[in-house]
């Protein structure tokens, strides 16, 4: 399942604009411009469908984005993204919430901050 989760993360970050629902990238961009550096919402469309396929659950996929650090370049931050898929079936027959958390450096341009490119991936 880890390889499938990695494929889904790649889809979430790189997926082009879509008319079929709110994307994780939209929420990341909202967090970059919001006063408090956060955003949240229900992810729909192909991204949510991909998570539903991996988890076997169909409840709405929630996303929460928060700013961990602001970089020198205006509009650039390190963001934490948390995806929550409720009611995921377990091997034991019950249900649980599945949460996936990842971090990335991002600017409003859609690219990573130049200062992090020469230093490696971590802030």
PDB file of N, CA and C in Angstrom:
ATOM      1  N   UNK A   1       0.826  -1.193   0.000  1.00  0.00           N
ATOM      2  CA  UNK A   1       0.000   0.000   0.000  1.00  0.00           C
ATOM      3  C   UNK A   1       0.871   1.258   0.000  1.00  0.00           C
ATOM      4  N   UNK A   2       2.120   1.224   0.529  1.00  0.00           N
ATOM      5  CA  UNK A   2       2.974   2.404   0.573  1.00  0.00           C
ATOM      6  C   UNK A   2       3.282   2.958  -0.808  1.00  0.00           C
ATOM      7  N   UNK A   3       3.531   2.111  -1.787  1.00  0.00           N
ATOM      8  CA  UNK A   3       3.796   2.577  -3.148  1.00  0.00           C
ATOM      9  C   UNK A   3       2.563   3.274  -3.718  1.00  0.00           C
ATOM     10  N   UNK A   4       1.392   2.754  -3.409  1.00  0.00           N
ATOM     11  CA  UNK A   4       0.158   3.395  -3.892  1.00  0.00           C
ATOM     12  C   UNK A   4      -0.047   4.743  -3.219  1.00  0.00           C
ATOM     13  N   UNK A   5       0.278   4.847  -1.929  1.00  0.00           N
ATOM     14  CA  UNK A   5       0.166   6.127  -1.218  1.00  0.00           C
ATOM     15  C   UNK A   5       1.123   7.145  -1.831  1.00  0.00           C
ATOM     16  N   UNK A   6       2.366   6.744  -2.132  1.00  0.00           N
ATOM     17  CA  UNK A   6       3.333   7.646  -2.758  1.00  0.00           C
ATOM     18  C   UNK A   6       2.826   8.118  -4.113  1.00  0.00           C
ATOM     19  N   UNK A   7       2.224   7.237  -4.872  1.00  0.00           N
ATOM     20  CA  UNK A   7       1.664   7.616  -6.171  1.00  0.00           C
ATOM     21  C   UNK A   7       0.538   8.636  -5.997  1.00  0.00           C
ATOM     22  N   UNK A   8      -0.257   8.474  -4.966  1.00  0.00           N
ATOM     23  CA  UNK A   8      -1.351   9.413  -4.704  1.00  0.00           C
ATOM     24  C   UNK A   8      -0.791  10.777  -4.314  1.00  0.00           C
ATOM     25  N   UNK A   9       0.260  10.815  -3.480  1.00  0.00           N
ATOM     26  CA  UNK A   9       0.870  12.096  -3.096  1.00  0.00           C
ATOM     27  C   UNK A   9       1.387  12.817  -4.335  1.00  0.00           C
ATOM     28  N   UNK A  10       2.040  12.084  -5.217  1.00  0.00           N
ATOM     29  CA  UNK A  10       2.528  12.678  -6.462  1.00  0.00           C
ATOM     30  C   UNK A  10       1.371  13.259  -7.256  1.00  0.00           C
ATOM     31  N   UNK A  11       0.281  12.545  -7.336  1.00  0.00           N
ATOM     32  CA  UNK A  11      -0.910  13.033  -8.033  1.00  0.00           C
ATOM     33  C   UNK A  11      -1.417  14.315  -7.383  1.00  0.00           C
ATOM     34  N   UNK A  12      -1.447  14.368  -6.055  1.00  0.00           N
ATOM     35  CA  UNK A  12      -1.979  15.517  -5.345  1.00  0.00           C
ATOM     36  C   UNK A  12      -1.162  16.774  -5.594  1.00  0.00           C
ATOM     37  N   UNK A  13       0.148  16.630  -5.673  1.00  0.00           N
ATOM     38  CA  UNK A  13       1.013  17.790  -5.837  1.00  0.00           C
ATOM     39  C   UNK A  13       1.108  18.223  -7.295  1.00  0.00           C
ATOM     40  N   UNK A  14       1.109  17.285  -8.209  1.00  0.00           N
ATOM     41  CA  UNK A  14       1.376  17.587  -9.617  1.00  0.00           C
ATOM     42  C   UNK A  14       0.140  17.628 -10.497  1.00  0.00           C
ATOM     43  N   UNK A  15      -0.997  17.258  -9.986  1.00  0.00           N
ATOM     44  CA  UNK A  15      -2.209  17.155 -10.799  1.00  0.00           C
ATOM     45  C   UNK A  15      -2.585  18.514 -11.392  1.00  0.00           C
ATOM     46  N   UNK A  16      -2.837  18.589 -12.693  1.00  0.00           N
ATOM     47  CA  UNK A  16      -3.219  19.855 -13.313  1.00  0.00           C
ATOM     48  C   UNK A  16      -4.615  20.306 -12.882  1.00  0.00           C
ATOM     49  N   UNK A  17      -4.930  21.548 -13.194  1.00  0.00           N
ATOM     50  CA  UNK A  17      -6.231  22.113 -12.839  1.00  0.00           C
ATOM     51  C   UNK A  17      -7.356  21.236 -13.368  1.00  0.00           C
ATOM     52  N   UNK A  18      -8.427  21.183 -12.598  1.00  0.00           N
ATOM     53  CA  UNK A  18      -9.546  20.323 -12.962  1.00  0.00           C
ATOM     54  C   UNK A  18     -10.849  21.018 -12.632  1.00  0.00           C
ATOM     55  N   UNK A  19     -11.860  20.734 -13.420  1.00  0.00           N
ATOM     56  CA  UNK A  19     -13.177  21.308 -13.164  1.00  0.00           C
ATOM     57  C   UNK A  19     -14.006  20.394 -12.270  1.00  0.00           C
ATOM     58  N   UNK A  20     -13.425  19.255 -11.839  1.00  0.00           N
ATOM     59  CA  UNK A  20     -14.253  18.285 -11.117  1.00  0.00           C
ATOM     60  C   UNK A  20     -14.134  18.367  -9.596  1.00  0.00           C
ATOM     61  N   UNK A  21     -13.561  19.422  -9.044  1.00  0.00           N
ATOM     62  CA  UNK A  21     -13.571  19.558  -7.597  1.00  0.00           C
ATOM     63  C   UNK A  21     -12.368  20.295  -7.050  1.00  0.00           C
ATOM     64  N   UNK A  22     -12.406  20.544  -5.747  1.00  0.00           N
ATOM     65  CA  UNK A  22     -11.327  21.232  -5.040  1.00  0.00           C
ATOM     66  C   UNK A  22     -10.119  20.321  -4.963  1.00  0.00           C
ATOM     67  N   UNK A  23      -8.948  20.851  -5.291  1.00  0.00           N
ATOM     68  CA  UNK A  23      -7.710  20.081  -5.274  1.00  0.00           C
ATOM     69  C   UNK A  23      -6.878  20.436  -4.049  1.00  0.00           C
ATOM     70  N   UNK A  24      -5.997  19.551  -3.653  1.00  0.00           N
ATOM     71  CA  UNK A  24      -5.091  19.811  -2.545  1.00  0.00           C
ATOM     72  C   UNK A  24      -4.205  21.007  -2.876  1.00  0.00           C
ATOM     73  N   UNK A  25      -3.757  21.104  -4.110  1.00  0.00           N
ATOM     74  CA  UNK A  25      -2.911  22.236  -4.499  1.00  0.00           C
ATOM     75  C   UNK A  25      -3.655  23.560  -4.306  1.00  0.00           C
ATOM     76  N   UNK A  26      -4.958  23.594  -4.576  1.00  0.00           N
ATOM     77  CA  UNK A  26      -5.752  24.806  -4.335  1.00  0.00           C
ATOM     78  C   UNK A  26      -5.675  25.207  -2.866  1.00  0.00           C
ATOM     79  N   UNK A  27      -5.792  24.227  -1.985  1.00  0.00           N
ATOM     80  CA  UNK A  27      -5.736  24.505  -0.545  1.00  0.00           C
ATOM     81  C   UNK A  27      -4.344  24.955  -0.125  1.00  0.00           C
ATOM     82  N   UNK A  28      -3.301  24.400  -0.743  1.00  0.00           N
ATOM     83  CA  UNK A  28      -1.939  24.844  -0.433  1.00  0.00           C
ATOM     84  C   UNK A  28      -1.761  26.301  -0.851  1.00  0.00           C
ATOM     85  N   UNK A  29      -2.262  26.659  -2.012  1.00  0.00           N
ATOM     86  CA  UNK A  29      -2.156  28.045  -2.478  1.00  0.00           C
ATOM     87  C   UNK A  29      -2.955  28.988  -1.570  1.00  0.00           C
ATOM     88  N   UNK A  30      -4.113  28.534  -1.109  1.00  0.00           N
ATOM     89  CA  UNK A  30      -4.909  29.347  -0.187  1.00  0.00           C
ATOM     90  C   UNK A  30      -4.145  29.595   1.115  1.00  0.00           C
ATOM     91  N   UNK A  31      -3.461  28.572   1.614  1.00  0.00           N
ATOM     92  CA  UNK A  31      -2.681  28.715   2.848  1.00  0.00           C
ATOM     93  C   UNK A  31      -1.548  29.718   2.651  1.00  0.00           C
ATOM     94  N   UNK A  32      -0.938  29.742   1.471  1.00  0.00           N
ATOM     95  CA  UNK A  32       0.156  30.672   1.204  1.00  0.00           C
ATOM     96  C   UNK A  32      -0.292  32.122   1.272  1.00  0.00           C
ATOM     97  N   UNK A  33      -1.549  32.403   0.949  1.00  0.00           N
ATOM     98  CA  UNK A  33      -2.015  33.795   0.933  1.00  0.00           C
ATOM     99  C   UNK A  33      -2.916  34.154   2.118  1.00  0.00           C
ATOM    100  N   UNK A  34      -3.297  33.168   2.930  1.00  0.00           N
ATOM    101  CA  UNK A  34      -4.205  33.473   4.038  1.00  0.00           C
ATOM    102  C   UNK A  34      -3.472  34.187   5.169  1.00  0.00           C
ATOM    103  N   UNK A  35      -4.213  34.963   5.933  1.00  0.00           N
ATOM    104  CA  UNK A  35      -3.644  35.721   7.056  1.00  0.00           C
ATOM    105  C   UNK A  35      -3.009  34.803   8.094  1.00  0.00           C
ATOM    106  N   UNK A  36      -3.673  33.696   8.398  1.00  0.00           N
ATOM    107  CA  UNK A  36      -3.170  32.799   9.443  1.00  0.00           C
ATOM    108  C   UNK A  36      -2.339  31.636   8.895  1.00  0.00           C
ATOM    109  N   UNK A  37      -2.138  31.586   7.576  1.00  0.00           N
ATOM    110  CA  UNK A  37      -1.304  30.549   6.974  1.00  0.00           C
ATOM    111  C   UNK A  37      -1.924  29.167   6.943  1.00  0.00           C
ATOM    112  N   UNK A  38      -3.257  29.101   7.020  1.00  0.00           N
ATOM    113  CA  UNK A  38      -3.933  27.801   7.011  1.00  0.00           C
ATOM    114  C   UNK A  38      -5.063  27.788   5.989  1.00  0.00           C
ATOM    115  N   UNK A  39      -5.479  26.598   5.641  1.00  0.00           N
ATOM    116  CA  UNK A  39      -6.690  26.406   4.847  1.00  0.00           C
ATOM    117  C   UNK A  39      -7.159  24.976   5.066  1.00  0.00           C
ATOM    118  N   UNK A  40      -8.431  24.755   4.815  1.00  0.00           N
ATOM    119  CA  UNK A  40      -8.965  23.402   4.916  1.00  0.00           C
ATOM    120  C   UNK A  40     -10.197  23.295   4.042  1.00  0.00           C
ATOM    121  N   UNK A  41     -10.514  22.061   3.685  1.00  0.00           N
ATOM    122  CA  UNK A  41     -11.672  21.852   2.843  1.00  0.00           C
ATOM    123  C   UNK A  41     -11.849  20.392   2.492  1.00  0.00           C
ATOM    124  N   UNK A  42     -12.868  20.145   1.709  1.00  0.00           N
ATOM    125  CA  UNK A  42     -13.171  18.796   1.221  1.00  0.00           C
ATOM    126  C   UNK A  42     -12.598  18.672  -0.194  1.00  0.00           C
ATOM    127  N   UNK A  43     -11.749  17.675  -0.383  1.00  0.00           N
ATOM    128  CA  UNK A  43     -11.139  17.424  -1.689  1.00  0.00           C
ATOM    129  C   UNK A  43     -12.100  16.563  -2.505  1.00  0.00           C
ATOM    130  N   UNK A  44     -12.291  16.939  -3.757  1.00  0.00           N
ATOM    131  CA  UNK A  44     -13.203  16.201  -4.629  1.00  0.00           C
ATOM    132  C   UNK A  44     -12.508  15.895  -5.943  1.00  0.00           C
ATOM    133  N   UNK A  45     -13.194  15.157  -6.785  1.00  0.00           N
ATOM    134  CA  UNK A  45     -12.674  14.864  -8.109  1.00  0.00           C
ATOM    135  C   UNK A  45     -11.678  13.724  -8.117  1.00  0.00           C
ATOM    136  N   UNK A  46     -10.749  13.778  -9.072  1.00  0.00           N
ATOM    137  CA  UNK A  46      -9.810  12.688  -9.301  1.00  0.00           C
ATOM    138  C   UNK A  46      -8.907  12.418  -8.093  1.00  0.00           C
ATOM    139  N   UNK A  47      -8.516  13.470  -7.385  1.00  0.00           N
ATOM    140  CA  UNK A  47      -7.661  13.274  -6.207  1.00  0.00           C
ATOM    141  C   UNK A  47      -8.388  12.465  -5.135  1.00  0.00           C
ATOM    142  N   UNK A  48      -9.602  12.856  -4.842  1.00  0.00           N
ATOM    143  CA  UNK A  48     -10.382  12.121  -3.839  1.00  0.00           C
ATOM    144  C   UNK A  48     -10.656  10.702  -4.318  1.00  0.00           C
ATOM    145  N   UNK A  49     -10.957  10.546  -5.589  1.00  0.00           N
ATOM    146  CA  UNK A  49     -11.208   9.210  -6.141  1.00  0.00           C
ATOM    147  C   UNK A  49      -9.995   8.306  -5.964  1.00  0.00           C
ATOM    148  N   UNK A  50      -8.794   8.860  -6.147  1.00  0.00           N
ATOM    149  CA  UNK A  50      -7.571   8.073  -5.992  1.00  0.00           C
ATOM    150  C   UNK A  50      -7.402   7.607  -4.548  1.00  0.00           C
ATOM    151  N   UNK A  51      -7.664   8.486  -3.590  1.00  0.00           N
ATOM    152  CA  UNK A  51      -7.572   8.104  -2.168  1.00  0.00           C
ATOM    153  C   UNK A  51      -8.641   7.075  -1.837  1.00  0.00           C
ATOM    154  N   UNK A  52      -9.860   7.282  -2.331  1.00  0.00           N
ATOM    155  CA  UNK A  52     -10.949   6.330  -2.080  1.00  0.00           C
ATOM    156  C   UNK A  52     -10.585   4.940  -2.598  1.00  0.00           C
ATOM    157  N   UNK A  53      -9.937   4.883  -3.754  1.00  0.00           N
ATOM    158  CA  UNK A  53      -9.525   3.604  -4.320  1.00  0.00           C
ATOM    159  C   UNK A  53      -8.496   2.916  -3.424  1.00  0.00           C
ATOM    160  N   UNK A  54      -7.537   3.675  -2.914  1.00  0.00           N
ATOM    161  CA  UNK A  54      -6.490   3.109  -2.052  1.00  0.00           C
ATOM    162  C   UNK A  54      -7.054   2.644  -0.714  1.00  0.00           C
ATOM    163  N   UNK A  55      -7.939   3.452  -0.120  1.00  0.00           N
ATOM    164  CA  UNK A  55      -8.422   3.152   1.232  1.00  0.00           C
ATOM    165  C   UNK A  55      -9.660   2.257   1.262  1.00  0.00           C
ATOM    166  N   UNK A  56     -10.419   2.223   0.189  1.00  0.00           N
ATOM    167  CA  UNK A  56     -11.653   1.445   0.177  1.00  0.00           C
ATOM    168  C   UNK A  56     -12.803   2.135   0.888  1.00  0.00           C
ATOM    169  N   UNK A  57     -12.650   3.422   1.182  1.00  0.00           N
ATOM    170  CA  UNK A  57     -13.705   4.198   1.850  1.00  0.00           C
ATOM    171  C   UNK A  57     -14.267   5.229   0.871  1.00  0.00           C
ATOM    172  N   UNK A  58     -15.485   5.665   1.110  1.00  0.00           N
ATOM    173  CA  UNK A  58     -16.106   6.621   0.193  1.00  0.00           C
ATOM    174  C   UNK A  58     -16.551   7.919   0.857  1.00  0.00           C
ATOM    175  N   UNK A  59     -16.330   8.053   2.173  1.00  0.00           N
ATOM    176  CA  UNK A  59     -16.673   9.307   2.847  1.00  0.00           C
ATOM    177  C   UNK A  59     -15.848  10.450   2.251  1.00  0.00           C
ATOM    178  N   UNK A  60     -16.302  11.696   2.407  1.00  0.00           N
ATOM    179  CA  UNK A  60     -15.542  12.827   1.877  1.00  0.00           C
ATOM    180  C   UNK A  60     -14.119  12.875   2.452  1.00  0.00           C
ATOM    181  N   UNK A  61     -13.173  13.224   1.591  1.00  0.00           N
ATOM    182  CA  UNK A  61     -11.772  13.347   1.965  1.00  0.00           C
ATOM    183  C   UNK A  61     -11.521  14.778   2.435  1.00  0.00           C
ATOM    184  N   UNK A  62     -11.103  14.923   3.688  1.00  0.00           N
ATOM    185  CA  UNK A  62     -10.815  16.245   4.251  1.00  0.00           C
ATOM    186  C   UNK A  62      -9.324  16.539   4.120  1.00  0.00           C
ATOM    187  N   UNK A  63      -9.008  17.809   3.900  1.00  0.00           N
ATOM    188  CA  UNK A  63      -7.615  18.244   3.842  1.00  0.00           C
ATOM    189  C   UNK A  63      -7.436  19.460   4.734  1.00  0.00           C
ATOM    190  N   UNK A  64      -6.307  19.484   5.447  1.00  0.00           N
ATOM    191  CA  UNK A  64      -5.936  20.621   6.293  1.00  0.00           C
ATOM    192  C   UNK A  64      -4.506  21.000   5.936  1.00  0.00           C
ATOM    193  N   UNK A  65      -4.285  22.279   5.656  1.00  0.00           N
ATOM    194  CA  UNK A  65      -2.947  22.758   5.305  1.00  0.00           C
ATOM    195  C   UNK A  65      -2.566  23.840   6.308  1.00  0.00           C
ATOM    196  N   UNK A  66      -1.334  23.745   6.836  1.00  0.00           N
ATOM    197  CA  UNK A  66      -0.841  24.759   7.765  1.00  0.00           C
ATOM    198  C   UNK A  66       0.580  25.149   7.399  1.00  0.00           C
ATOM    199  N   UNK A  67       0.946  26.373   7.738  1.00  0.00           N
ATOM    200  CA  UNK A  67       2.278  26.894   7.465  1.00  0.00           C
ATOM    201  C   UNK A  67       3.191  26.568   8.638  1.00  0.00           C
ATOM    202  N   UNK A  68       4.317  25.929   8.333  1.00  0.00           N
ATOM    203  CA  UNK A  68       5.311  25.601   9.353  1.00  0.00           C
ATOM    204  C   UNK A  68       6.390  26.672   9.436  1.00  0.00           C
ATOM    205  N   UNK A  69       6.731  27.265   8.295  1.00  0.00           N
ATOM    206  CA  UNK A  69       7.803  28.261   8.240  1.00  0.00           C
ATOM    207  C   UNK A  69       7.592  29.124   7.009  1.00  0.00           C
ATOM    208  N   UNK A  70       7.887  30.416   7.145  1.00  0.00           N
ATOM    209  CA  UNK A  70       7.881  31.318   5.991  1.00  0.00           C
ATOM    210  C   UNK A  70       9.330  31.557   5.586  1.00  0.00           C
ATOM    211  N   UNK A  71       9.586  31.509   4.285  1.00  0.00           N
ATOM    212  CA  UNK A  71      10.928  31.743   3.775  1.00  0.00           C
ATOM    213  C   UNK A  71      11.132  33.216   3.450  1.00  0.00           C
ATOM    214  N   UNK A  72      12.384  33.583   3.176  1.00  0.00           N
ATOM    215  CA  UNK A  72      12.727  34.981   2.882  1.00  0.00           C
ATOM    216  C   UNK A  72      11.959  35.504   1.681  1.00  0.00           C
ATOM    217  N   UNK A  73      11.835  34.674   0.646  1.00  0.00           N
ATOM    218  CA  UNK A  73      11.139  35.100  -0.563  1.00  0.00           C
ATOM    219  C   UNK A  73       9.646  35.240  -0.273  1.00  0.00           C
ATOM    220  N   UNK A  74       9.097  36.371  -0.631  1.00  0.00           N
ATOM    221  CA  UNK A  74       7.671  36.648  -0.419  1.00  0.00           C
ATOM    222  C   UNK A  74       6.812  35.560  -1.059  1.00  0.00           C
ATOM    223  N   UNK A  75       5.812  35.080  -0.306  1.00  0.00           N
ATOM    224  CA  UNK A  75       4.880  34.091  -0.836  1.00  0.00           C
ATOM    225  C   UNK A  75       5.396  32.673  -0.837  1.00  0.00           C
ATOM    226  N   UNK A  76       6.477  32.412  -0.089  1.00  0.00           N
ATOM    227  CA  UNK A  76       7.069  31.072  -0.037  1.00  0.00           C
ATOM    228  C   UNK A  76       7.065  30.553   1.395  1.00  0.00           C
ATOM    229  N   UNK A  77       6.627  29.319   1.582  1.00  0.00           N
ATOM    230  CA  UNK A  77       6.527  28.729   2.917  1.00  0.00           C
ATOM    231  C   UNK A  77       6.781  27.230   2.879  1.00  0.00           C
ATOM    232  N   UNK A  78       7.041  26.682   4.059  1.00  0.00           N
ATOM    233  CA  UNK A  78       7.034  25.226   4.237  1.00  0.00           C
ATOM    234  C   UNK A  78       5.648  24.898   4.764  1.00  0.00           C
ATOM    235  N   UNK A  79       4.947  24.025   4.059  1.00  0.00           N
ATOM    236  CA  UNK A  79       3.572  23.684   4.400  1.00  0.00           C
ATOM    237  C   UNK A  79       3.471  22.253   4.895  1.00  0.00           C
ATOM    238  N   UNK A  80       2.564  22.031   5.832  1.00  0.00           N
ATOM    239  CA  UNK A  80       2.202  20.684   6.266  1.00  0.00           C
ATOM    240  C   UNK A  80       0.808  20.409   5.732  1.00  0.00           C
ATOM    241  N   UNK A  81       0.663  19.292   5.059  1.00  0.00           N
ATOM    242  CA  UNK A  81      -0.627  18.889   4.494  1.00  0.00           C
ATOM    243  C   UNK A  81      -1.077  17.630   5.218  1.00  0.00           C
ATOM    244  N   UNK A  82      -2.303  17.641   5.684  1.00  0.00           N
ATOM    245  CA  UNK A  82      -2.876  16.466   6.355  1.00  0.00           C
ATOM    246  C   UNK A  82      -4.166  16.092   5.638  1.00  0.00           C
ATOM    247  N   UNK A  83      -4.224  14.852   5.160  1.00  0.00           N
ATOM    248  CA  UNK A  83      -5.424  14.328   4.519  1.00  0.00           C
ATOM    249  C   UNK A  83      -6.067  13.335   5.469  1.00  0.00           C
ATOM    250  N   UNK A  84      -7.368  13.444   5.652  1.00  0.00           N
ATOM    251  CA  UNK A  84      -8.098  12.562   6.558  1.00  0.00           C
ATOM    252  C   UNK A  84      -9.221  11.887   5.794  1.00  0.00           C
ATOM    253  N   UNK A  85      -9.159  10.552   5.762  1.00  0.00           N
ATOM    254  CA  UNK A  85     -10.207   9.757   5.116  1.00  0.00           C
ATOM    255  C   UNK A  85     -10.928   8.966   6.205  1.00  0.00           C
ATOM    256  N   UNK A  86     -12.152   9.378   6.575  1.00  0.00           N
ATOM    257  CA  UNK A  86     -12.902   8.665   7.604  1.00  0.00           C
ATOM    258  C   UNK A  86     -13.424   7.307   7.123  1.00  0.00           C
ATOM    259  N   UNK A  87     -13.700   6.463   8.084  1.00  0.00           N
ATOM    260  CA  UNK A  87     -14.381   5.180   7.866  1.00  0.00           C
ATOM    261  C   UNK A  87     -13.673   4.248   6.887  1.00  0.00           C
ATOM    262  N   UNK A  88     -12.366   4.132   7.068  1.00  0.00           N
ATOM    263  CA  UNK A  88     -11.584   3.212   6.244  1.00  0.00           C
ATOM    264  C   UNK A  88     -11.692   1.818   6.845  1.00  0.00           C
ATOM    265  N   UNK A  89     -12.074   0.823   6.052  1.00  0.00           N
ATOM    266  CA  UNK A  89     -12.198  -0.544   6.576  1.00  0.00           C
ATOM    267  C   UNK A  89     -10.839  -1.084   7.032  1.00  0.00           C
ATOM    268  N   UNK A  90     -10.852  -1.783   8.171  1.00  0.00           N
ATOM    269  CA  UNK A  90      -9.639  -2.411   8.683  1.00  0.00           C
ATOM    270  C   UNK A  90      -9.669  -3.907   8.386  1.00  0.00           C
ATOM    271  N   UNK A  91      -8.520  -4.551   8.544  1.00  0.00           N
ATOM    272  CA  UNK A  91      -8.433  -6.001   8.327  1.00  0.00           C
ATOM    273  C   UNK A  91      -9.283  -6.759   9.345  1.00  0.00           C
ATOM    274  N   UNK A  92      -9.465  -6.144  10.522  1.00  0.00           N
ATOM    275  CA  UNK A  92     -10.240  -6.789  11.580  1.00  0.00           C
ATOM    276  C   UNK A  92     -11.743  -6.654  11.391  1.00  0.00           C
ATOM    277  N   UNK A  93     -12.152  -5.915  10.379  1.00  0.00           N
ATOM    278  CA  UNK A  93     -13.577  -5.772  10.102  1.00  0.00           C
ATOM    279  C   UNK A  93     -14.187  -4.482  10.618  1.00  0.00           C
ATOM    280  N   UNK A  94     -13.429  -3.696  11.355  1.00  0.00           N
ATOM    281  CA  UNK A  94     -13.938  -2.415  11.847  1.00  0.00           C
ATOM    282  C   UNK A  94     -13.651  -1.301  10.856  1.00  0.00           C
ATOM    283  N   UNK A  95     -13.774  -0.084  11.334  1.00  0.00           N
ATOM    284  CA  UNK A  95     -13.475   1.096  10.514  1.00  0.00           C
ATOM    285  C   UNK A  95     -12.659   2.066  11.353  1.00  0.00           C
ATOM    286  N   UNK A  96     -11.793   2.824  10.673  1.00  0.00           N
ATOM    287  CA  UNK A  96     -10.954   3.806  11.348  1.00  0.00           C
ATOM    288  C   UNK A  96     -10.703   4.981  10.416  1.00  0.00           C
ATOM    289  N   UNK A  97     -10.220   6.072  10.977  1.00  0.00           N
ATOM    290  CA  UNK A  97      -9.825   7.207  10.156  1.00  0.00           C
ATOM    291  C   UNK A  97      -8.403   6.976   9.675  1.00  0.00           C
ATOM    292  N   UNK A  98      -8.175   7.184   8.395  1.00  0.00           N
ATOM    293  CA  UNK A  98      -6.847   7.101   7.805  1.00  0.00           C
ATOM    294  C   UNK A  98      -6.349   8.528   7.654  1.00  0.00           C
ATOM    295  N   UNK A  99      -5.134   8.809   8.141  1.00  0.00           N
ATOM    296  CA  UNK A  99      -4.554  10.141   8.007  1.00  0.00           C
ATOM    297  C   UNK A  99      -3.200  10.036   7.328  1.00  0.00           C
ATOM    298  N   UNK A 100      -2.969  10.928   6.408  1.00  0.00           N
ATOM    299  CA  UNK A 100      -1.713  10.995   5.686  1.00  0.00           C
ATOM    300  C   UNK A 100      -1.187  12.410   5.845  1.00  0.00           C
ATOM    301  N   UNK A 101       0.064  12.551   6.306  1.00  0.00           N
ATOM    302  CA  UNK A 101       0.650  13.866   6.522  1.00  0.00           C
ATOM    303  C   UNK A 101       1.954  13.942   5.745  1.00  0.00           C
ATOM    304  N   UNK A 102       2.152  15.059   5.071  1.00  0.00           N
ATOM    305  CA  UNK A 102       3.426  15.309   4.405  1.00  0.00           C
ATOM    306  C   UNK A 102       3.711  16.806   4.420  1.00  0.00           C
ATOM    307  N   UNK A 103       4.974  17.149   4.188  1.00  0.00           N
ATOM    308  CA  UNK A 103       5.423  18.535   4.184  1.00  0.00           C
ATOM    309  C   UNK A 103       6.119  18.837   2.865  1.00  0.00           C
ATOM    310  N   UNK A 104       6.037  20.098   2.445  1.00  0.00           N
ATOM    311  CA  UNK A 104       6.760  20.520   1.260  1.00  0.00           C
ATOM    312  C   UNK A 104       6.991  22.020   1.285  1.00  0.00           C
ATOM    313  N   UNK A 105       8.017  22.451   0.570  1.00  0.00           N
ATOM    314  CA  UNK A 105       8.331  23.865   0.407  1.00  0.00           C
ATOM    315  C   UNK A 105       7.673  24.330  -0.880  1.00  0.00           C
ATOM    316  N   UNK A 106       6.934  25.444  -0.811  1.00  0.00           N
ATOM    317  CA  UNK A 106       6.170  25.884  -1.969  1.00  0.00           C
ATOM    318  C   UNK A 106       6.049  27.399  -1.993  1.00  0.00           C
ATOM    319  N   UNK A 107       6.082  27.959  -3.198  1.00  0.00           N
ATOM    320  CA  UNK A 107       5.843  29.388  -3.424  1.00  0.00           C
ATOM    321  C   UNK A 107       4.557  29.553  -4.220  1.00  0.00           C
ATOM    322  N   UNK A 108       4.037  30.772  -4.230  1.00  0.00           N
ATOM    323  CA  UNK A 108       2.821  31.049  -4.990  1.00  0.00           C
ATOM    324  C   UNK A 108       2.990  30.761  -6.475  1.00  0.00           C
ATOM    325  N   UNK A 109       4.230  30.747  -6.949  1.00  0.00           N
ATOM    326  CA  UNK A 109       4.504  30.425  -8.360  1.00  0.00           C
ATOM    327  C   UNK A 109       4.278  28.951  -8.663  1.00  0.00           C
ATOM    328  N   UNK A 110       4.165  28.133  -7.598  1.00  0.00           N
ATOM    329  CA  UNK A 110       4.027  26.690  -7.770  1.00  0.00           C
ATOM    330  C   UNK A 110       5.356  25.958  -7.691  1.00  0.00           C
ATOM    331  N   UNK A 111       6.443  26.701  -7.559  1.00  0.00           N
ATOM    332  CA  UNK A 111       7.785  26.125  -7.464  1.00  0.00           C
ATOM    333  C   UNK A 111       8.291  26.196  -6.024  1.00  0.00           C
ATOM    334  N   UNK A 112       9.334  25.422  -5.693  1.00  0.00           N
ATOM    335  CA  UNK A 112       9.925  25.539  -4.355  1.00  0.00           C
ATOM    336  C   UNK A 112      10.716  26.840  -4.241  1.00  0.00           C
ATOM    337  N   UNK A 113      10.915  27.332  -3.027  1.00  0.00           N
ATOM    338  CA  UNK A 113      11.708  28.566  -2.842  1.00  0.00           C
ATOM    339  C   UNK A 113      13.147  28.353  -3.309  1.00  0.00           C
ATOM    340  N   UNK A 114      13.717  29.336  -4.025  1.00  0.00           N
ATOM    341  CA  UNK A 114      15.089  29.192  -4.498  1.00  0.00           C
ATOM    342  C   UNK A 114      16.077  28.923  -3.374  1.00  0.00           C
ATOM    343  N   UNK A 115      15.863  29.513  -2.203  1.00  0.00           N
ATOM    344  CA  UNK A 115      16.821  29.324  -1.097  1.00  0.00           C
ATOM    345  C   UNK A 115      16.887  27.877  -0.622  1.00  0.00           C
ATOM    346  N   UNK A 116      15.830  27.078  -0.845  1.00  0.00           N
ATOM    347  CA  UNK A 116      15.855  25.679  -0.414  1.00  0.00           C
ATOM    348  C   UNK A 116      16.471  24.767  -1.452  1.00  0.00           C
ATOM    349  N   UNK A 117      16.563  25.225  -2.685  1.00  0.00           N
ATOM    350  CA  UNK A 117      17.116  24.387  -3.749  1.00  0.00           C
ATOM    351  C   UNK A 117      18.614  24.165  -3.555  1.00  0.00           C
ATOM    352  N   UNK A 118      19.308  25.171  -3.056  1.00  0.00           N
ATOM    353  CA  UNK A 118      20.747  25.019  -2.837  1.00  0.00           C
ATOM    354  C   UNK A 118      21.074  24.343  -1.513  1.00  0.00           C
ATOM    355  N   UNK A 119      20.103  24.291  -0.604  1.00  0.00           N
ATOM    356  CA  UNK A 119      20.325  23.715   0.727  1.00  0.00           C
ATOM    357  C   UNK A 119      19.807  22.285   0.849  1.00  0.00           C
ATOM    358  N   UNK A 120      19.108  21.785  -0.111  1.00  0.00           N
ATOM    359  CA  UNK A 120      18.496  20.470   0.013  1.00  0.00           C
ATOM    360  C   UNK A 120      17.033  20.611   0.310  1.00  0.00           C
ATOM    361  N   UNK A 121      16.379  19.512   0.657  1.00  0.00           N
ATOM    362  CA  UNK A 121      14.926  19.486   0.810  1.00  0.00           C
ATOM    363  C   UNK A 121      14.427  20.060   2.116  1.00  0.00           C
ATOM    364  N   UNK A 122      15.221  20.045   3.164  1.00  0.00           N
ATOM    365  CA  UNK A 122      14.705  20.495   4.460  1.00  0.00           C
ATOM    366  C   UNK A 122      14.944  21.981   4.661  1.00  0.00           C
ATOM    367  N   UNK A 123      14.073  22.660   5.444  1.00  0.00           N
ATOM    368  CA  UNK A 123      14.196  24.105   5.652  1.00  0.00           C
ATOM    369  C   UNK A 123      15.390  24.453   6.500  1.00  0.00           C
TER     370      UNK A 123
END
